Amino acid sequence: MPNSAIGKALRYSAERWAELSNYLYDGRLEIDNNLVENAIRPVALGRKNYLFAGSHSAAKRAAMVYSFFAICKKHGVNPYEWLKHTLQNIMSINHKDIKSLYPQNFKPDM
């Protein structure tokens, strides 16, 4: 039946067949979006966890820390080393140079 769930799904697919089959013509395209889903899963979980942070301010602080750790991951920086370095140096740095403490600018001691 056209109005059944399967009928609606088939109609949806038929109306978008050209777009749905693009991956057949370009080898760079994936058949699914699992890589993207896996990449954003931690963000979705974090969002749910912020609901239980205790207050709006606590949720904002948790989101900031989470964002810094995500930036560390993106730039291949060890979050523990970065956070330790930042906490040891934040009081002695000029406010104009605060960007030097960002994870993407972190240079670990060798």
Protein backbone atom coordinates (compact mmCIF):
# COMPACT_ATOMS: atom_id res chain seq x y z
CA MET A 1 0.00 0.00 0.00
CA PRO A 2 1.36 3.45 -0.90
CA ASN A 3 0.69 4.94 2.56
CA SER A 4 2.23 2.06 4.52
CA ALA A 5 5.67 2.49 6.08
CA ILE A 6 7.35 0.37 3.39
CA GLY A 7 5.42 2.22 0.66
CA LYS A 8 6.65 5.57 2.00
CA ALA A 9 10.23 4.25 2.18
CA LEU A 10 10.11 2.98 -1.40
CA ARG A 11 8.64 6.26 -2.67
CA TYR A 12 11.34 8.22 -0.79
CA SER A 13 14.07 6.05 -2.37
CA ALA A 14 12.59 6.23 -5.88
CA GLU A 15 12.32 10.04 -5.74
CA ARG A 16 15.98 10.33 -4.71
CA TRP A 17 17.45 7.47 -6.72
CA ALA A 18 20.02 9.63 -8.59
CA GLU A 19 21.37 11.06 -5.33
CA LEU A 20 21.32 7.68 -3.58
CA SER A 21 23.34 6.02 -6.34
CA ASN A 22 26.05 8.71 -6.66
CA TYR A 23 28.51 6.54 -4.75
CA LEU A 24 28.45 4.09 -7.67
CA TYR A 25 30.04 6.66 -9.99
CA ASP A 26 32.67 8.12 -7.63
CA GLY A 27 34.95 5.71 -5.79
CA ARG A 28 35.75 8.34 -3.15
CA LEU A 29 32.18 8.33 -1.85
CA GLU A 30 31.11 5.89 0.84
CA ILE A 31 27.88 3.91 0.70
CA ASP A 32 27.14 4.94 4.30
CA ASN A 33 28.13 7.65 6.74
CA ASN A 34 29.48 5.40 9.52
CA LEU A 35 32.80 7.26 9.70
CA VAL A 36 31.02 10.55 10.34
CA GLU A 37 28.61 8.93 12.81
CA ASN A 38 31.52 7.45 14.77
CA ALA A 39 33.34 10.79 14.78
CA ILE A 40 30.40 12.72 16.23
CA ARG A 41 29.20 10.06 18.67
CA PRO A 42 31.29 11.46 21.57
CA VAL A 43 29.77 14.89 21.01
CA ALA A 44 26.25 13.48 21.21
CA LEU A 45 27.10 11.53 24.37
CA GLY A 46 28.68 14.61 25.90
CA ARG A 47 25.57 16.64 25.17
CA LYS A 48 23.46 14.13 27.08
CA ASN A 49 25.92 14.11 29.97
CA TYR A 50 25.80 17.91 30.27
CA LEU A 51 22.13 17.61 31.22
CA PHE A 52 23.31 16.16 34.53
CA ALA A 53 26.15 18.62 35.24
CA GLY A 54 24.33 20.18 38.19
CA SER A 55 23.87 23.69 36.81
CA HIS A 56 24.05 25.65 33.60
CA SER A 57 27.44 27.09 34.57
CA ALA A 58 28.85 23.65 35.36
CA ALA A 59 27.61 22.36 31.99
CA LYS A 60 29.34 25.26 30.22
CA ARG A 61 32.61 24.51 32.03
CA ALA A 62 32.34 20.81 31.20
CA ALA A 63 31.70 21.67 27.55
CA MET A 64 34.78 23.91 27.46
CA VAL A 65 37.01 21.19 28.93
CA TYR A 66 35.50 18.65 26.55
CA SER A 67 36.20 21.01 23.63
CA PHE A 68 39.82 21.47 24.67
CA PHE A 69 40.29 17.71 24.86
CA ALA A 70 38.70 17.30 21.42
CA ILE A 71 41.16 19.87 20.04
CA CYS A 72 44.00 17.92 21.67
CA LYS A 73 42.81 14.78 19.92
CA LYS A 74 42.52 16.59 16.59
CA HIS A 75 46.10 17.88 16.82
CA GLY A 76 47.63 14.69 18.25
CA VAL A 77 48.43 16.27 21.61
CA ASN A 78 48.47 14.27 24.84
CA PRO A 79 45.66 15.91 26.91
CA TYR A 80 47.36 15.16 30.23
CA GLU A 81 50.64 16.77 29.14
CA TRP A 82 48.84 19.78 27.67
CA LEU A 83 46.68 20.34 30.75
CA LYS A 84 49.66 19.96 33.10
CA HIS A 85 51.69 22.45 31.03
CA THR A 86 48.77 24.88 30.87
CA LEU A 87 48.05 24.81 34.60
CA GLN A 88 51.76 25.28 35.41
CA ASN A 89 52.13 28.26 33.06
CA ILE A 90 48.79 30.06 33.02
CA MET A 91 49.61 32.38 35.93
CA SER A 92 52.91 33.56 34.46
CA ILE A 93 51.78 34.24 30.90
CA ASN A 94 50.84 37.66 29.56
CA HIS A 95 47.15 37.81 28.60
CA LYS A 96 48.18 38.84 25.06
CA ASP A 97 50.03 35.53 24.68
CA ILE A 98 47.23 33.30 25.97
CA LYS A 99 46.92 31.67 22.55
CA SER A 100 50.29 30.02 23.12
CA LEU A 101 48.54 27.81 25.69
CA TYR A 102 45.95 26.53 23.22
CA PRO A 103 46.27 22.80 22.47
CA GLN A 104 47.06 23.41 18.79
CA ASN A 105 50.05 25.57 19.82
CA PHE A 106 51.37 23.18 22.48
CA LYS A 107 54.93 21.94 21.99
CA PRO A 108 55.73 19.11 24.39
CA ASP A 109 59.08 19.17 26.17
CA MET A 110 61.44 16.63 24.69
